[in-house]
Amino acid sequence: MVYALVGILIGAIVGFLLPFTYNTAYTLYISVAILASLDSVFGGVRANLENTFDTKIFISGFFGNAILAAFLAYIGDRLGFPLYYAAIFTFG
């Protein structure tokens, strides 16, 4: 538990100190990918509490969900149809 709190604290400090910006055109894709990644993180926490956590499944789910959600948002943007709603409904 202490490692998690220290990691969150370090991440917050680094996030405030580094001047990282991205183009506003990518806001939709990044927000959906973050939502999918958070879904994987909370799923990993739940699996850890149930003593069924597997690192390989967590890592593949983390990146797979984020990439799939961003891809759905991109395809929906190209088709002119908000497919990112599917990712929001699934992960949110």
PDB file of N, CA and C in Angstrom:
ATOM      1  N   MET A   1       0.822  -1.189   0.000  1.00  0.00           N
ATOM      2  CA  MET A   1       0.000   0.000   0.000  1.00  0.00           C
ATOM      3  C   MET A   1       0.864   1.251   0.000  1.00  0.00           C
ATOM      4  N   VAL A   2       1.981   1.176   0.717  1.00  0.00           N
ATOM      5  CA  VAL A   2       2.879   2.322   0.788  1.00  0.00           C
ATOM      6  C   VAL A   2       3.485   2.592  -0.585  1.00  0.00           C
ATOM      7  N   TYR A   3       3.825   1.517  -1.325  1.00  0.00           N
ATOM      8  CA  TYR A   3       4.398   1.688  -2.665  1.00  0.00           C
ATOM      9  C   TYR A   3       3.416   2.387  -3.599  1.00  0.00           C
ATOM     10  N   ALA A   4       2.158   2.055  -3.490  1.00  0.00           N
ATOM     11  CA  ALA A   4       1.149   2.678  -4.344  1.00  0.00           C
ATOM     12  C   ALA A   4       1.028   4.172  -4.040  1.00  0.00           C
ATOM     13  N   LEU A   5       1.005   4.525  -2.782  1.00  0.00           N
ATOM     14  CA  LEU A   5       0.900   5.940  -2.411  1.00  0.00           C
ATOM     15  C   LEU A   5       2.134   6.730  -2.828  1.00  0.00           C
ATOM     16  N   VAL A   6       3.310   6.125  -2.660  1.00  0.00           N
ATOM     17  CA  VAL A   6       4.544   6.790  -3.087  1.00  0.00           C
ATOM     18  C   VAL A   6       4.548   6.955  -4.603  1.00  0.00           C
ATOM     19  N   GLY A   7       4.091   5.940  -5.327  1.00  0.00           N
ATOM     20  CA  GLY A   7       4.022   6.022  -6.784  1.00  0.00           C
ATOM     21  C   GLY A   7       3.067   7.098  -7.257  1.00  0.00           C
ATOM     22  N   ILE A   8       1.926   7.204  -6.602  1.00  0.00           N
ATOM     23  CA  ILE A   8       0.961   8.254  -6.953  1.00  0.00           C
ATOM     24  C   ILE A   8       1.547   9.632  -6.669  1.00  0.00           C
ATOM     25  N   LEU A   9       2.212   9.777  -5.546  1.00  0.00           N
ATOM     26  CA  LEU A   9       2.826  11.057  -5.188  1.00  0.00           C
ATOM     27  C   LEU A   9       3.921  11.438  -6.181  1.00  0.00           C
ATOM     28  N   ILE A  10       4.785  10.498  -6.521  1.00  0.00           N
ATOM     29  CA  ILE A  10       5.854  10.775  -7.487  1.00  0.00           C
ATOM     30  C   ILE A  10       5.260  11.101  -8.856  1.00  0.00           C
ATOM     31  N   GLY A  11       4.243  10.368  -9.266  1.00  0.00           N
ATOM     32  CA  GLY A  11       3.597  10.631 -10.550  1.00  0.00           C
ATOM     33  C   GLY A  11       2.964  12.006 -10.604  1.00  0.00           C
ATOM     34  N   ALA A  12       2.333  12.423  -9.516  1.00  0.00           N
ATOM     35  CA  ALA A  12       1.723  13.755  -9.472  1.00  0.00           C
ATOM     36  C   ALA A  12       2.786  14.850  -9.535  1.00  0.00           C
ATOM     37  N   ILE A  13       3.880  14.663  -8.825  1.00  0.00           N
ATOM     38  CA  ILE A  13       4.952  15.666  -8.837  1.00  0.00           C
ATOM     39  C   ILE A  13       5.575  15.766 -10.226  1.00  0.00           C
ATOM     40  N   VAL A  14       5.874  14.621 -10.835  1.00  0.00           N
ATOM     41  CA  VAL A  14       6.459  14.630 -12.180  1.00  0.00           C
ATOM     42  C   VAL A  14       5.482  15.234 -13.181  1.00  0.00           C
ATOM     43  N   GLY A  15       4.206  14.937 -13.034  1.00  0.00           N
ATOM     44  CA  GLY A  15       3.204  15.492 -13.934  1.00  0.00           C
ATOM     45  C   GLY A  15       3.098  17.000 -13.857  1.00  0.00           C
ATOM     46  N   PHE A  16       3.285  17.550 -12.686  1.00  0.00           N
ATOM     47  CA  PHE A  16       3.226  19.005 -12.543  1.00  0.00           C
ATOM     48  C   PHE A  16       4.517  19.686 -12.995  1.00  0.00           C
ATOM     49  N   LEU A  17       5.643  19.003 -12.875  1.00  0.00           N
ATOM     50  CA  LEU A  17       6.922  19.626 -13.200  1.00  0.00           C
ATOM     51  C   LEU A  17       7.296  19.538 -14.675  1.00  0.00           C
ATOM     52  N   LEU A  18       6.898  18.475 -15.364  1.00  0.00           N
ATOM     53  CA  LEU A  18       7.260  18.327 -16.775  1.00  0.00           C
ATOM     54  C   LEU A  18       6.254  19.051 -17.663  1.00  0.00           C
ATOM     55  N   PRO A  19       6.749  19.835 -18.598  1.00  0.00           N
ATOM     56  CA  PRO A  19       5.843  20.572 -19.494  1.00  0.00           C
ATOM     57  C   PRO A  19       5.390  19.705 -20.670  1.00  0.00           C
ATOM     58  N   PHE A  20       4.572  18.724 -20.425  1.00  0.00           N
ATOM     59  CA  PHE A  20       4.104  17.806 -21.459  1.00  0.00           C
ATOM     60  C   PHE A  20       2.765  18.292 -21.989  1.00  0.00           C
ATOM     61  N   THR A  21       2.702  18.550 -23.281  1.00  0.00           N
ATOM     62  CA  THR A  21       1.453  18.961 -23.910  1.00  0.00           C
ATOM     63  C   THR A  21       1.233  18.122 -25.163  1.00  0.00           C
ATOM     64  N   TYR A  22       0.013  18.092 -25.618  1.00  0.00           N
ATOM     65  CA  TYR A  22      -0.317  17.402 -26.860  1.00  0.00           C
ATOM     66  C   TYR A  22      -1.342  18.239 -27.607  1.00  0.00           C
ATOM     67  N   ASN A  23      -1.471  17.945 -28.871  1.00  0.00           N
ATOM     68  CA  ASN A  23      -2.386  18.677 -29.732  1.00  0.00           C
ATOM     69  C   ASN A  23      -3.826  18.437 -29.274  1.00  0.00           C
ATOM     70  N   THR A  24      -4.636  19.462 -29.304  1.00  0.00           N
ATOM     71  CA  THR A  24      -6.020  19.320 -28.845  1.00  0.00           C
ATOM     72  C   THR A  24      -6.846  18.425 -29.752  1.00  0.00           C
ATOM     73  N   ALA A  25      -6.366  18.151 -30.944  1.00  0.00           N
ATOM     74  CA  ALA A  25      -7.087  17.243 -31.844  1.00  0.00           C
ATOM     75  C   ALA A  25      -7.084  15.815 -31.309  1.00  0.00           C
ATOM     76  N   TYR A  26      -6.113  15.490 -30.445  1.00  0.00           N
ATOM     77  CA  TYR A  26      -6.006  14.139 -29.897  1.00  0.00           C
ATOM     78  C   TYR A  26      -6.707  13.981 -28.555  1.00  0.00           C
ATOM     79  N   THR A  27      -7.392  14.985 -28.098  1.00  0.00           N
ATOM     80  CA  THR A  27      -8.021  14.950 -26.780  1.00  0.00           C
ATOM     81  C   THR A  27      -9.002  13.801 -26.637  1.00  0.00           C
ATOM     82  N   LEU A  28      -9.825  13.581 -27.624  1.00  0.00           N
ATOM     83  CA  LEU A  28     -10.813  12.500 -27.571  1.00  0.00           C
ATOM     84  C   LEU A  28     -10.132  11.143 -27.462  1.00  0.00           C
ATOM     85  N   TYR A  29      -9.108  10.911 -28.268  1.00  0.00           N
ATOM     86  CA  TYR A  29      -8.419   9.622 -28.278  1.00  0.00           C
ATOM     87  C   TYR A  29      -7.701   9.368 -26.957  1.00  0.00           C
ATOM     88  N   ILE A  30      -7.044  10.380 -26.446  1.00  0.00           N
ATOM     89  CA  ILE A  30      -6.298  10.219 -25.205  1.00  0.00           C
ATOM     90  C   ILE A  30      -7.241  10.010 -24.030  1.00  0.00           C
ATOM     91  N   SER A  31      -8.341  10.733 -23.986  1.00  0.00           N
ATOM     92  CA  SER A  31      -9.268  10.577 -22.862  1.00  0.00           C
ATOM     93  C   SER A  31      -9.909   9.193 -22.862  1.00  0.00           C
ATOM     94  N   VAL A  32     -10.253   8.674 -24.027  1.00  0.00           N
ATOM     95  CA  VAL A  32     -10.841   7.333 -24.090  1.00  0.00           C
ATOM     96  C   VAL A  32      -9.792   6.288 -23.729  1.00  0.00           C
ATOM     97  N   ALA A  33      -8.547   6.473 -24.173  1.00  0.00           N
ATOM     98  CA  ALA A  33      -7.483   5.530 -23.829  1.00  0.00           C
ATOM     99  C   ALA A  33      -7.192   5.552 -22.328  1.00  0.00           C
ATOM    100  N   ILE A  34      -7.228   6.724 -21.713  1.00  0.00           N
ATOM    101  CA  ILE A  34      -7.020   6.815 -20.265  1.00  0.00           C
ATOM    102  C   ILE A  34      -8.156   6.125 -19.521  1.00  0.00           C
ATOM    103  N   LEU A  35      -9.377   6.303 -19.981  1.00  0.00           N
ATOM    104  CA  LEU A  35     -10.517   5.631 -19.356  1.00  0.00           C
ATOM    105  C   LEU A  35     -10.359   4.119 -19.427  1.00  0.00           C
ATOM    106  N   ALA A  36      -9.946   3.603 -20.573  1.00  0.00           N
ATOM    107  CA  ALA A  36      -9.751   2.165 -20.724  1.00  0.00           C
ATOM    108  C   ALA A  36      -8.601   1.673 -19.852  1.00  0.00           C
ATOM    109  N   SER A  37      -7.537   2.458 -19.744  1.00  0.00           N
ATOM    110  CA  SER A  37      -6.410   2.073 -18.902  1.00  0.00           C
ATOM    111  C   SER A  37      -6.802   2.049 -17.431  1.00  0.00           C
ATOM    112  N   LEU A  38      -7.586   3.018 -17.007  1.00  0.00           N
ATOM    113  CA  LEU A  38      -8.051   3.025 -15.617  1.00  0.00           C
ATOM    114  C   LEU A  38      -8.954   1.834 -15.323  1.00  0.00           C
ATOM    115  N   ASP A  39      -9.745   1.425 -16.306  1.00  0.00           N
ATOM    116  CA  ASP A  39     -10.560   0.232 -16.142  1.00  0.00           C
ATOM    117  C   ASP A  39      -9.675  -0.983 -15.891  1.00  0.00           C
ATOM    118  N   SER A  40      -8.571  -1.079 -16.612  1.00  0.00           N
ATOM    119  CA  SER A  40      -7.643  -2.190 -16.412  1.00  0.00           C
ATOM    120  C   SER A  40      -6.963  -2.112 -15.052  1.00  0.00           C
ATOM    121  N   VAL A  41      -6.604  -0.912 -14.628  1.00  0.00           N
ATOM    122  CA  VAL A  41      -5.959  -0.752 -13.322  1.00  0.00           C
ATOM    123  C   VAL A  41      -6.899  -1.182 -12.201  1.00  0.00           C
ATOM    124  N   PHE A  42      -8.152  -0.741 -12.260  1.00  0.00           N
ATOM    125  CA  PHE A  42      -9.096  -1.131 -11.216  1.00  0.00           C
ATOM    126  C   PHE A  42      -9.411  -2.618 -11.272  1.00  0.00           C
ATOM    127  N   GLY A  43      -9.414  -3.190 -12.474  1.00  0.00           N
ATOM    128  CA  GLY A  43      -9.574  -4.636 -12.592  1.00  0.00           C
ATOM    129  C   GLY A  43      -8.399  -5.378 -11.985  1.00  0.00           C
ATOM    130  N   GLY A  44      -7.196  -4.836 -12.148  1.00  0.00           N
ATOM    131  CA  GLY A  44      -6.016  -5.440 -11.533  1.00  0.00           C
ATOM    132  C   GLY A  44      -6.041  -5.350 -10.019  1.00  0.00           C
ATOM    133  N   VAL A  45      -6.516  -4.235  -9.499  1.00  0.00           N
ATOM    134  CA  VAL A  45      -6.641  -4.092  -8.039  1.00  0.00           C
ATOM    135  C   VAL A  45      -7.644  -5.104  -7.499  1.00  0.00           C
ATOM    136  N   ARG A  46      -8.768  -5.246  -8.191  1.00  0.00           N
ATOM    137  CA  ARG A  46      -9.773  -6.215  -7.763  1.00  0.00           C
ATOM    138  C   ARG A  46      -9.224  -7.640  -7.813  1.00  0.00           C
ATOM    139  N   ALA A  47      -8.502  -7.966  -8.896  1.00  0.00           N
ATOM    140  CA  ALA A  47      -7.916  -9.300  -9.020  1.00  0.00           C
ATOM    141  C   ALA A  47      -6.881  -9.541  -7.926  1.00  0.00           C
ATOM    142  N   ASN A  48      -6.143  -8.514  -7.557  1.00  0.00           N
ATOM    143  CA  ASN A  48      -5.167  -8.658  -6.481  1.00  0.00           C
ATOM    144  C   ASN A  48      -5.860  -8.909  -5.150  1.00  0.00           C
ATOM    145  N   LEU A  49      -6.962  -8.231  -4.909  1.00  0.00           N
ATOM    146  CA  LEU A  49      -7.702  -8.452  -3.664  1.00  0.00           C
ATOM    147  C   LEU A  49      -8.308  -9.850  -3.605  1.00  0.00           C
ATOM    148  N   GLU A  50      -8.638 -10.409  -4.777  1.00  0.00           N
ATOM    149  CA  GLU A  50      -9.203 -11.758  -4.837  1.00  0.00           C
ATOM    150  C   GLU A  50      -8.127 -12.826  -4.977  1.00  0.00           C
ATOM    151  N   ASN A  51      -6.851 -12.411  -4.945  1.00  0.00           N
ATOM    152  CA  ASN A  51      -5.700 -13.309  -5.087  1.00  0.00           C
ATOM    153  C   ASN A  51      -5.715 -14.076  -6.405  1.00  0.00           C
ATOM    154  N   THR A  52      -6.169 -13.441  -7.484  1.00  0.00           N
ATOM    155  CA  THR A  52      -6.163 -14.055  -8.809  1.00  0.00           C
ATOM    156  C   THR A  52      -5.400 -13.194  -9.808  1.00  0.00           C
ATOM    157  N   PHE A  53      -4.538 -12.310  -9.324  1.00  0.00           N
ATOM    158  CA  PHE A  53      -3.820 -11.375 -10.193  1.00  0.00           C
ATOM    159  C   PHE A  53      -2.758 -12.106 -11.002  1.00  0.00           C
ATOM    160  N   ASP A  54      -2.701 -11.808 -12.312  1.00  0.00           N
ATOM    161  CA  ASP A  54      -1.674 -12.345 -13.203  1.00  0.00           C
ATOM    162  C   ASP A  54      -1.084 -11.174 -13.982  1.00  0.00           C
ATOM    163  N   THR A  55       0.216 -11.004 -13.883  1.00  0.00           N
ATOM    164  CA  THR A  55       0.871  -9.852 -14.500  1.00  0.00           C
ATOM    165  C   THR A  55       0.714  -9.840 -16.015  1.00  0.00           C
ATOM    166  N   LYS A  56       0.829 -10.998 -16.645  1.00  0.00           N
ATOM    167  CA  LYS A  56       0.717 -11.053 -18.109  1.00  0.00           C
ATOM    168  C   LYS A  56      -0.672 -10.619 -18.573  1.00  0.00           C
ATOM    169  N   ILE A  57      -1.682 -11.063 -17.880  1.00  0.00           N
ATOM    170  CA  ILE A  57      -3.051 -10.676 -18.231  1.00  0.00           C
ATOM    171  C   ILE A  57      -3.255  -9.184 -17.990  1.00  0.00           C
ATOM    172  N   PHE A  58      -2.703  -8.678 -16.900  1.00  0.00           N
ATOM    173  CA  PHE A  58      -2.857  -7.254 -16.599  1.00  0.00           C
ATOM    174  C   PHE A  58      -2.189  -6.379 -17.660  1.00  0.00           C
ATOM    175  N   ILE A  59      -0.953  -6.686 -18.002  1.00  0.00           N
ATOM    176  CA  ILE A  59      -0.220  -5.872 -18.978  1.00  0.00           C
ATOM    177  C   ILE A  59      -0.884  -5.933 -20.350  1.00  0.00           C
ATOM    178  N   SER A  60      -1.270  -7.134 -20.772  1.00  0.00           N
ATOM    179  CA  SER A  60      -1.918  -7.254 -22.084  1.00  0.00           C
ATOM    180  C   SER A  60      -3.275  -6.552 -22.088  1.00  0.00           C
ATOM    181  N   GLY A  61      -4.015  -6.649 -21.011  1.00  0.00           N
ATOM    182  CA  GLY A  61      -5.297  -5.957 -20.922  1.00  0.00           C
ATOM    183  C   GLY A  61      -5.143  -4.454 -20.856  1.00  0.00           C
ATOM    184  N   PHE A  62      -4.132  -3.996 -20.141  1.00  0.00           N
ATOM    185  CA  PHE A  62      -3.891  -2.556 -20.001  1.00  0.00           C
ATOM    186  C   PHE A  62      -3.642  -1.916 -21.361  1.00  0.00           C
ATOM    187  N   PHE A  63      -2.672  -2.443 -22.085  1.00  0.00           N
ATOM    188  CA  PHE A  63      -2.339  -1.856 -23.385  1.00  0.00           C
ATOM    189  C   PHE A  63      -3.365  -2.214 -24.450  1.00  0.00           C
ATOM    190  N   GLY A  64      -3.887  -3.422 -24.396  1.00  0.00           N
ATOM    191  CA  GLY A  64      -4.886  -3.827 -25.382  1.00  0.00           C
ATOM    192  C   GLY A  64      -6.158  -3.002 -25.291  1.00  0.00           C
ATOM    193  N   ASN A  65      -6.642  -2.785 -24.081  1.00  0.00           N
ATOM    194  CA  ASN A  65      -7.849  -1.970 -23.897  1.00  0.00           C
ATOM    195  C   ASN A  65      -7.623  -0.527 -24.338  1.00  0.00           C
ATOM    196  N   ALA A  66      -6.475   0.029 -23.982  1.00  0.00           N
ATOM    197  CA  ALA A  66      -6.193   1.421 -24.351  1.00  0.00           C
ATOM    198  C   ALA A  66      -6.095   1.580 -25.864  1.00  0.00           C
ATOM    199  N   ILE A  67      -5.398   0.662 -26.512  1.00  0.00           N
ATOM    200  CA  ILE A  67      -5.241   0.750 -27.968  1.00  0.00           C
ATOM    201  C   ILE A  67      -6.574   0.527 -28.666  1.00  0.00           C
ATOM    202  N   LEU A  68      -7.340  -0.456 -28.205  1.00  0.00           N
ATOM    203  CA  LEU A  68      -8.636  -0.736 -28.825  1.00  0.00           C
ATOM    204  C   LEU A  68      -9.596   0.442 -28.662  1.00  0.00           C
ATOM    205  N   ALA A  69      -9.614   1.046 -27.490  1.00  0.00           N
ATOM    206  CA  ALA A  69     -10.512   2.179 -27.262  1.00  0.00           C
ATOM    207  C   ALA A  69     -10.116   3.376 -28.126  1.00  0.00           C
ATOM    208  N   ALA A  70      -8.820   3.663 -28.205  1.00  0.00           N
ATOM    209  CA  ALA A  70      -8.374   4.776 -29.050  1.00  0.00           C
ATOM    210  C   ALA A  70      -8.646   4.479 -30.520  1.00  0.00           C
ATOM    211  N   PHE A  71      -8.487   3.221 -30.927  1.00  0.00           N
ATOM    212  CA  PHE A  71      -8.764   2.839 -32.312  1.00  0.00           C
ATOM    213  C   PHE A  71     -10.248   2.989 -32.637  1.00  0.00           C
ATOM    214  N   LEU A  72     -11.112   2.602 -31.705  1.00  0.00           N
ATOM    215  CA  LEU A  72     -12.550   2.790 -31.919  1.00  0.00           C
ATOM    216  C   LEU A  72     -12.894   4.273 -32.064  1.00  0.00           C
ATOM    217  N   ALA A  73     -12.282   5.097 -31.249  1.00  0.00           N
ATOM    218  CA  ALA A  73     -12.530   6.535 -31.348  1.00  0.00           C
ATOM    219  C   ALA A  73     -12.029   7.075 -32.683  1.00  0.00           C
ATOM    220  N   TYR A  74     -10.886   6.583 -33.143  1.00  0.00           N
ATOM    221  CA  TYR A  74     -10.341   7.038 -34.427  1.00  0.00           C
ATOM    222  C   TYR A  74     -11.229   6.614 -35.594  1.00  0.00           C
ATOM    223  N   ILE A  75     -11.638   5.351 -35.606  1.00  0.00           N
ATOM    224  CA  ILE A  75     -12.498   4.852 -36.683  1.00  0.00           C
ATOM    225  C   ILE A  75     -13.828   5.609 -36.680  1.00  0.00           C
ATOM    226  N   GLY A  76     -14.382   5.824 -35.511  1.00  0.00           N
ATOM    227  CA  GLY A  76     -15.626   6.580 -35.421  1.00  0.00           C
ATOM    228  C   GLY A  76     -15.472   8.001 -35.921  1.00  0.00           C
ATOM    229  N   ASP A  77     -14.328   8.597 -35.631  1.00  0.00           N
ATOM    230  CA  ASP A  77     -14.069   9.955 -36.111  1.00  0.00           C
ATOM    231  C   ASP A  77     -13.972   9.984 -37.633  1.00  0.00           C
ATOM    232  N   ARG A  78     -13.346   8.985 -38.210  1.00  0.00           N
ATOM    233  CA  ARG A  78     -13.218   8.906 -39.671  1.00  0.00           C
ATOM    234  C   ARG A  78     -14.559   8.639 -40.344  1.00  0.00           C
ATOM    235  N   LEU A  79     -15.416   7.851 -39.694  1.00  0.00           N
ATOM    236  CA  LEU A  79     -16.725   7.545 -40.268  1.00  0.00           C
ATOM    237  C   LEU A  79     -17.748   8.641 -40.008  1.00  0.00           C
ATOM    238  N   GLY A  80     -17.423   9.556 -39.116  1.00  0.00           N
ATOM    239  CA  GLY A  80     -18.365  10.612 -38.771  1.00  0.00           C
ATOM    240  C   GLY A  80     -19.429  10.147 -37.797  1.00  0.00           C
ATOM    241  N   PHE A  81     -19.151   9.062 -37.107  1.00  0.00           N
ATOM    242  CA  PHE A  81     -20.086   8.480 -36.155  1.00  0.00           C
ATOM    243  C   PHE A  81     -19.353   8.319 -34.827  1.00  0.00           C
ATOM    244  N   PRO A  82     -19.939   8.744 -33.719  1.00  0.00           N
ATOM    245  CA  PRO A  82     -19.221   8.708 -32.437  1.00  0.00           C
ATOM    246  C   PRO A  82     -19.109   7.293 -31.854  1.00  0.00           C
ATOM    247  N   LEU A  83     -18.188   6.484 -32.393  1.00  0.00           N
ATOM    248  CA  LEU A  83     -17.976   5.135 -31.867  1.00  0.00           C
ATOM    249  C   LEU A  83     -17.313   5.136 -30.495  1.00  0.00           C
ATOM    250  N   TYR A  84     -16.746   6.268 -30.096  1.00  0.00           N
ATOM    251  CA  TYR A  84     -16.126   6.318 -28.784  1.00  0.00           C
ATOM    252  C   TYR A  84     -17.162   6.136 -27.677  1.00  0.00           C
ATOM    253  N   TYR A  85     -18.431   6.343 -27.996  1.00  0.00           N
ATOM    254  CA  TYR A  85     -19.479   6.062 -27.009  1.00  0.00           C
ATOM    255  C   TYR A  85     -19.458   4.598 -26.589  1.00  0.00           C
ATOM    256  N   ALA A  86     -19.117   3.704 -27.510  1.00  0.00           N
ATOM    257  CA  ALA A  86     -19.029   2.282 -27.175  1.00  0.00           C
ATOM    258  C   ALA A  86     -17.948   2.045 -26.129  1.00  0.00           C
ATOM    259  N   ALA A  87     -16.807   2.703 -26.288  1.00  0.00           N
ATOM    260  CA  ALA A  87     -15.731   2.558 -25.310  1.00  0.00           C
ATOM    261  C   ALA A  87     -16.127   3.170 -23.969  1.00  0.00           C
ATOM    262  N   ILE A  88     -16.781   4.313 -24.005  1.00  0.00           N
ATOM    263  CA  ILE A  88     -17.218   4.941 -22.758  1.00  0.00           C
ATOM    264  C   ILE A  88     -18.243   4.064 -22.051  1.00  0.00           C
ATOM    265  N   PHE A  89     -19.162   3.483 -22.801  1.00  0.00           N
ATOM    266  CA  PHE A  89     -20.166   2.602 -22.209  1.00  0.00           C
ATOM    267  C   PHE A  89     -19.523   1.344 -21.643  1.00  0.00           C
ATOM    268  N   THR A  90     -18.563   0.785 -22.353  1.00  0.00           N
ATOM    269  CA  THR A  90     -17.918  -0.450 -21.909  1.00  0.00           C
ATOM    270  C   THR A  90     -17.030  -0.222 -20.698  1.00  0.00           C
ATOM    271  N   PHE A  91     -16.195   0.792 -20.740  1.00  0.00           N
ATOM    272  CA  PHE A  91     -15.213   1.007 -19.683  1.00  0.00           C
ATOM    273  C   PHE A  91     -15.692   1.950 -18.592  1.00  0.00           C
ATOM    274  N   GLY A  92     -16.697   2.740 -18.868  1.00  0.00           N
ATOM    275  CA  GLY A  92     -17.139   3.740 -17.898  1.00  0.00           C
ATOM    276  C   GLY A  92     -18.264   3.230 -17.147  1.00  0.00           C
TER     277      GLY A  92
END
